[in-house]
PDB file of N, CA and C in Angstrom:
ATOM      1  N   MET A   1      48.154  97.967  57.318  1.00  0.00           N
ATOM      2  CA  MET A   1      48.411  98.962  56.290  1.00  0.00           C
ATOM      3  C   MET A   1      47.381  98.769  55.179  1.00  0.00           C
ATOM      4  N   THR A   2      46.753  99.852  54.768  1.00  0.00           N
ATOM      5  CA  THR A   2      45.749  99.758  53.709  1.00  0.00           C
ATOM      6  C   THR A   2      46.425  99.691  52.341  1.00  0.00           C
ATOM      7  N   LEU A   3      45.662  99.299  51.348  1.00  0.00           N
ATOM      8  CA  LEU A   3      46.189  99.239  49.988  1.00  0.00           C
ATOM      9  C   LEU A   3      46.619 100.620  49.514  1.00  0.00           C
ATOM     10  N   ALA A   4      45.858 101.644  49.865  1.00  0.00           N
ATOM     11  CA  ALA A   4      46.220 103.017  49.484  1.00  0.00           C
ATOM     12  C   ALA A   4      47.551 103.411  50.118  1.00  0.00           C
ATOM     13  N   GLU A   5      47.764 103.035  51.366  1.00  0.00           N
ATOM     14  CA  GLU A   5      49.032 103.355  52.036  1.00  0.00           C
ATOM     15  C   GLU A   5      50.199 102.614  51.393  1.00  0.00           C
ATOM     16  N   ILE A   6      49.970 101.364  51.041  1.00  0.00           N
ATOM     17  CA  ILE A   6      51.010 100.588  50.356  1.00  0.00           C
ATOM     18  C   ILE A   6      51.358 101.239  49.027  1.00  0.00           C
ATOM     19  N   ASN A   7      50.349 101.661  48.273  1.00  0.00           N
ATOM     20  CA  ASN A   7      50.593 102.314  46.983  1.00  0.00           C
ATOM     21  C   ASN A   7      51.379 103.604  47.153  1.00  0.00           C
ATOM     22  N   ARG A   8      51.025 104.408  48.152  1.00  0.00           N
ATOM     23  CA  ARG A   8      51.753 105.660  48.403  1.00  0.00           C
ATOM     24  C   ARG A   8      53.205 105.381  48.766  1.00  0.00           C
ATOM     25  N   GLN A   9      53.415 104.408  49.639  1.00  0.00           N
ATOM     26  CA  GLN A   9      54.776 104.076  50.051  1.00  0.00           C
ATOM     27  C   GLN A   9      55.584 103.523  48.879  1.00  0.00           C
ATOM     28  N   ALA A  10      54.962 102.679  48.073  1.00  0.00           N
ATOM     29  CA  ALA A  10      55.650 102.111  46.910  1.00  0.00           C
ATOM     30  C   ALA A  10      56.047 103.204  45.931  1.00  0.00           C
ATOM     31  N   PHE A  11      55.138 104.137  45.663  1.00  0.00           N
ATOM     32  CA  PHE A  11      55.463 105.216  44.734  1.00  0.00           C
ATOM     33  C   PHE A  11      56.570 106.094  45.307  1.00  0.00           C
ATOM     34  N   SER A  12      56.494 106.400  46.595  1.00  0.00           N
ATOM     35  CA  SER A  12      57.543 107.210  47.233  1.00  0.00           C
ATOM     36  C   SER A  12      58.895 106.520  47.141  1.00  0.00           C
ATOM     37  N   THR A  13      58.910 105.210  47.338  1.00  0.00           N
ATOM     38  CA  THR A  13      60.155 104.446  47.248  1.00  0.00           C
ATOM     39  C   THR A  13      60.708 104.481  45.831  1.00  0.00           C
ATOM     40  N   LEU A  14      59.833 104.316  44.848  1.00  0.00           N
ATOM     41  CA  LEU A  14      60.281 104.390  43.454  1.00  0.00           C
ATOM     42  C   LEU A  14      60.823 105.768  43.117  1.00  0.00           C
ATOM     43  N   VAL A  15      60.137 106.807  43.550  1.00  0.00           N
ATOM     44  CA  VAL A  15      60.591 108.174  43.284  1.00  0.00           C
ATOM     45  C   VAL A  15      61.945 108.402  43.933  1.00  0.00           C
ATOM     46  N   GLU A  16      62.107 107.930  45.150  1.00  0.00           N
ATOM     47  CA  GLU A  16      63.377 108.094  45.857  1.00  0.00           C
ATOM     48  C   GLU A  16      64.507 107.372  45.131  1.00  0.00           C
ATOM     49  N   SER A  17      64.203 106.196  44.606  1.00  0.00           N
ATOM     50  CA  SER A  17      65.220 105.383  43.948  1.00  0.00           C
ATOM     51  C   SER A  17      65.481 105.795  42.503  1.00  0.00           C
ATOM     52  N   LEU A  18      64.411 106.081  41.758  1.00  0.00           N
ATOM     53  CA  LEU A  18      64.535 106.332  40.320  1.00  0.00           C
ATOM     54  C   LEU A  18      64.416 107.796  39.928  1.00  0.00           C
ATOM     55  N   GLY A  19      63.874 108.606  40.815  1.00  0.00           N
ATOM     56  CA  GLY A  19      63.519 109.971  40.451  1.00  0.00           C
ATOM     57  C   GLY A  19      62.088 109.987  39.944  1.00  0.00           C
ATOM     58  N   TYR A  20      61.474 111.168  39.994  1.00  0.00           N
ATOM     59  CA  TYR A  20      60.057 111.277  39.646  1.00  0.00           C
ATOM     60  C   TYR A  20      59.791 110.859  38.200  1.00  0.00           C
ATOM     61  N   VAL A  21      60.592 111.372  37.271  1.00  0.00           N
ATOM     62  CA  VAL A  21      60.343 111.106  35.845  1.00  0.00           C
ATOM     63  C   VAL A  21      60.443 109.613  35.548  1.00  0.00           C
ATOM     64  N   ASN A  22      61.476 108.955  36.039  1.00  0.00           N
ATOM     65  CA  ASN A  22      61.632 107.527  35.753  1.00  0.00           C
ATOM     66  C   ASN A  22      60.614 106.673  36.501  1.00  0.00           C
ATOM     67  N   ALA A  23      60.167 107.122  37.675  1.00  0.00           N
ATOM     68  CA  ALA A  23      59.104 106.399  38.378  1.00  0.00           C
ATOM     69  C   ALA A  23      57.817 106.445  37.554  1.00  0.00           C
ATOM     70  N   VAL A  24      57.508 107.606  37.006  1.00  0.00           N
ATOM     71  CA  VAL A  24      56.322 107.732  36.156  1.00  0.00           C
ATOM     72  C   VAL A  24      56.491 106.891  34.896  1.00  0.00           C
ATOM     73  N   ARG A  25      57.681 106.904  34.312  1.00  0.00           N
ATOM     74  CA  ARG A  25      57.944 106.079  33.123  1.00  0.00           C
ATOM     75  C   ARG A  25      57.733 104.598  33.435  1.00  0.00           C
ATOM     76  N   PHE A  26      58.160 104.184  34.627  1.00  0.00           N
ATOM     77  CA  PHE A  26      57.966 102.796  35.048  1.00  0.00           C
ATOM     78  C   PHE A  26      56.482 102.444  35.063  1.00  0.00           C
ATOM     79  N   PHE A  27      55.662 103.299  35.660  1.00  0.00           N
ATOM     80  CA  PHE A  27      54.229 103.019  35.743  1.00  0.00           C
ATOM     81  C   PHE A  27      53.539 103.089  34.388  1.00  0.00           C
ATOM     82  N   LYS A  28      54.037 103.907  33.478  1.00  0.00           N
ATOM     83  CA  LYS A  28      53.390 104.051  32.169  1.00  0.00           C
ATOM     84  C   LYS A  28      53.500 102.791  31.324  1.00  0.00           C
ATOM     85  N   GLN A  29      54.428 101.903  31.671  1.00  0.00           N
ATOM     86  CA  GLN A  29      54.565 100.686  30.871  1.00  0.00           C
ATOM     87  C   GLN A  29      53.458  99.673  31.161  1.00  0.00           C
ATOM     88  N   PHE A  30      52.690  99.897  32.226  1.00  0.00           N
ATOM     89  CA  PHE A  30      51.608  98.989  32.597  1.00  0.00           C
ATOM     90  C   PHE A  30      50.265  99.626  32.275  1.00  0.00           C
ATOM     91  N   ASP A  31      49.395  98.878  31.648  1.00  0.00           N
ATOM     92  CA  ASP A  31      48.033  99.354  31.426  1.00  0.00           C
ATOM     93  C   ASP A  31      47.088  98.165  31.433  1.00  0.00           C
ATOM     94  N   MET A  32      45.835  98.440  31.484  1.00  0.00           N
ATOM     95  CA  MET A  32      44.831  97.383  31.547  1.00  0.00           C
ATOM     96  C   MET A  32      44.620  96.700  30.200  1.00  0.00           C
ATOM     97  N   GLY A  33      45.086  97.308  29.140  1.00  0.00           N
ATOM     98  CA  GLY A  33      44.905  96.711  27.833  1.00  0.00           C
ATOM     99  C   GLY A  33      43.473  96.836  27.346  1.00  0.00           C
ATOM    100  N   THR A  34      43.200  96.140  26.271  1.00  0.00           N
ATOM    101  CA  THR A  34      41.859  96.184  25.702  1.00  0.00           C
ATOM    102  C   THR A  34      41.419  94.766  25.373  1.00  0.00           C
ATOM    103  N   GLY A  35      40.167  94.604  25.108  1.00  0.00           N
ATOM    104  CA  GLY A  35      39.646  93.315  24.680  1.00  0.00           C
ATOM    105  C   GLY A  35      39.165  92.468  25.836  1.00  0.00           C
ATOM    106  N   ASP A  36      38.782  91.261  25.502  1.00  0.00           N
ATOM    107  CA  ASP A  36      38.273  90.290  26.462  1.00  0.00           C
ATOM    108  C   ASP A  36      39.222  89.100  26.454  1.00  0.00           C
ATOM    109  N   TYR A  37      40.156  89.090  27.407  1.00  0.00           N
ATOM    110  CA  TYR A  37      41.191  88.060  27.428  1.00  0.00           C
ATOM    111  C   TYR A  37      40.600  86.654  27.505  1.00  0.00           C
ATOM    112  N   THR A  38      39.565  86.472  28.306  1.00  0.00           N
ATOM    113  CA  THR A  38      38.978  85.139  28.471  1.00  0.00           C
ATOM    114  C   THR A  38      38.420  84.628  27.151  1.00  0.00           C
ATOM    115  N   ARG A  39      37.687  85.475  26.446  1.00  0.00           N
ATOM    116  CA  ARG A  39      37.131  85.071  25.142  1.00  0.00           C
ATOM    117  C   ARG A  39      38.252  84.827  24.137  1.00  0.00           C
ATOM    118  N   ASP A  40      39.218  85.744  24.093  1.00  0.00           N
ATOM    119  CA  ASP A  40      40.320  85.613  23.146  1.00  0.00           C
ATOM    120  C   ASP A  40      41.146  84.362  23.423  1.00  0.00           C
ATOM    121  N   ARG A  41      41.400  84.075  24.702  1.00  0.00           N
ATOM    122  CA  ARG A  41      42.183  82.899  25.073  1.00  0.00           C
ATOM    123  C   ARG A  41      41.494  81.627  24.597  1.00  0.00           C
ATOM    124  N   GLN A  42      40.180  81.576  24.705  1.00  0.00           N
ATOM    125  CA  GLN A  42      39.450  80.394  24.240  1.00  0.00           C
ATOM    126  C   GLN A  42      39.661  80.186  22.744  1.00  0.00           C
ATOM    127  N   GLN A  43      39.736  81.279  21.986  1.00  0.00           N
ATOM    128  CA  GLN A  43      39.986  81.172  20.546  1.00  0.00           C
ATOM    129  C   GLN A  43      41.416  80.715  20.284  1.00  0.00           C
ATOM    130  N   TRP A  44      42.397  81.268  21.026  1.00  0.00           N
ATOM    131  CA  TRP A  44      43.801  80.898  20.819  1.00  0.00           C
ATOM    132  C   TRP A  44      44.054  79.435  21.146  1.00  0.00           C
ATOM    133  N   LEU A  45      43.356  78.945  22.169  1.00  0.00           N
ATOM    134  CA  LEU A  45      43.605  77.592  22.645  1.00  0.00           C
ATOM    135  C   LEU A  45      42.609  76.576  22.108  1.00  0.00           C
ATOM    136  N   GLU A  46      41.812  76.986  21.153  1.00  0.00           N
ATOM    137  CA  GLU A  46      40.751  76.139  20.615  1.00  0.00           C
ATOM    138  C   GLU A  46      41.268  74.774  20.151  1.00  0.00           C
ATOM    139  N   ASP A  47      42.422  74.764  19.487  1.00  0.00           N
ATOM    140  CA  ASP A  47      42.945  73.527  18.912  1.00  0.00           C
ATOM    141  C   ASP A  47      43.989  72.847  19.792  1.00  0.00           C
ATOM    142  N   VAL A  48      44.250  73.380  20.975  1.00  0.00           N
ATOM    143  CA  VAL A  48      45.264  72.809  21.859  1.00  0.00           C
ATOM    144  C   VAL A  48      44.646  71.678  22.675  1.00  0.00           C
ATOM    145  N   THR A  49      45.315  70.534  22.633  1.00  0.00           N
ATOM    146  CA  THR A  49      44.904  69.392  23.448  1.00  0.00           C
ATOM    147  C   THR A  49      46.055  69.034  24.383  1.00  0.00           C
ATOM    148  N   LEU A  50      45.793  68.192  25.357  1.00  0.00           N
ATOM    149  CA  LEU A  50      46.876  67.734  26.232  1.00  0.00           C
ATOM    150  C   LEU A  50      47.944  67.010  25.428  1.00  0.00           C
ATOM    151  N   ASP A  51      47.520  66.222  24.449  1.00  0.00           N
ATOM    152  CA  ASP A  51      48.484  65.500  23.619  1.00  0.00           C
ATOM    153  C   ASP A  51      49.353  66.455  22.808  1.00  0.00           C
ATOM    154  N   SER A  52      48.741  67.471  22.198  1.00  0.00           N
ATOM    155  CA  SER A  52      49.532  68.415  21.397  1.00  0.00           C
ATOM    156  C   SER A  52      50.465  69.232  22.288  1.00  0.00           C
ATOM    157  N   LEU A  53      50.024  69.549  23.489  1.00  0.00           N
ATOM    158  CA  LEU A  53      50.867  70.277  24.431  1.00  0.00           C
ATOM    159  C   LEU A  53      52.052  69.420  24.856  1.00  0.00           C
ATOM    160  N   TRP A  54      51.809  68.144  25.113  1.00  0.00           N
ATOM    161  CA  TRP A  54      52.874  67.236  25.509  1.00  0.00           C
ATOM    162  C   TRP A  54      53.916  67.098  24.393  1.00  0.00           C
ATOM    163  N   VAL A  55      53.474  66.980  23.168  1.00  0.00           N
ATOM    164  CA  VAL A  55      54.389  66.891  22.028  1.00  0.00           C
ATOM    165  C   VAL A  55      55.237  68.160  21.942  1.00  0.00           C
ATOM    166  N   GLU A  56      54.619  69.303  22.138  1.00  0.00           N
ATOM    167  CA  GLU A  56      55.349  70.572  22.079  1.00  0.00           C
ATOM    168  C   GLU A  56      56.384  70.671  23.201  1.00  0.00           C
ATOM    169  N   ILE A  57      56.030  70.228  24.395  1.00  0.00           N
ATOM    170  CA  ILE A  57      56.979  70.237  25.516  1.00  0.00           C
ATOM    171  C   ILE A  57      58.169  69.342  25.209  1.00  0.00           C
ATOM    172  N   GLN A  58      57.900  68.153  24.695  1.00  0.00           N
ATOM    173  CA  GLN A  58      58.984  67.231  24.356  1.00  0.00           C
ATOM    174  C   GLN A  58      59.892  67.824  23.282  1.00  0.00           C
ATOM    175  N   GLN A  59      59.314  68.494  22.304  1.00  0.00           N
ATOM    176  CA  GLN A  59      60.106  69.113  21.242  1.00  0.00           C
ATOM    177  C   GLN A  59      61.003  70.208  21.811  1.00  0.00           C
ATOM    178  N   CYS A  60      60.471  71.011  22.702  1.00  0.00           N
ATOM    179  CA  CYS A  60      61.265  72.074  23.332  1.00  0.00           C
ATOM    180  C   CYS A  60      62.411  71.490  24.139  1.00  0.00           C
ATOM    181  N   GLN A  61      62.158  70.386  24.833  1.00  0.00           N
ATOM    182  CA  GLN A  61      63.211  69.742  25.615  1.00  0.00           C
ATOM    183  C   GLN A  61      64.297  69.186  24.708  1.00  0.00           C
ATOM    184  N   GLN A  62      63.920  68.611  23.580  1.00  0.00           N
ATOM    185  CA  GLN A  62      64.902  68.096  22.628  1.00  0.00           C
ATOM    186  C   GLN A  62      65.721  69.235  22.035  1.00  0.00           C
ATOM    187  N   ASP A  63      65.062  70.340  21.715  1.00  0.00           N
ATOM    188  CA  ASP A  63      65.757  71.489  21.139  1.00  0.00           C
ATOM    189  C   ASP A  63      66.740  72.099  22.128  1.00  0.00           C
ATOM    190  N   ALA A  64      66.421  72.015  23.422  1.00  0.00           N
ATOM    191  CA  ALA A  64      67.269  72.616  24.450  1.00  0.00           C
ATOM    192  C   ALA A  64      68.496  71.762  24.745  1.00  0.00           C
ATOM    193  N   SER A  65      68.448  70.483  24.413  1.00  0.00           N
ATOM    194  CA  SER A  65      69.590  69.616  24.733  1.00  0.00           C
ATOM    195  C   SER A  65      70.509  69.391  23.573  1.00  0.00           C
TER     196      SER A  65
END
């Protein structure tokens, strides 16, 4: 089965289950977005180290218990 055939079948299944309008609404919630995720991620994670990540994980575990 080709990717195009899978997409057609998936859309047909959604339309059958949700109706045309809600199937379209479902697809409208997804988009490619904007920006350069790789560059932006490097900026977001600039100050993150393994040690700081480990401390954060431990804090989350303490908060959960």
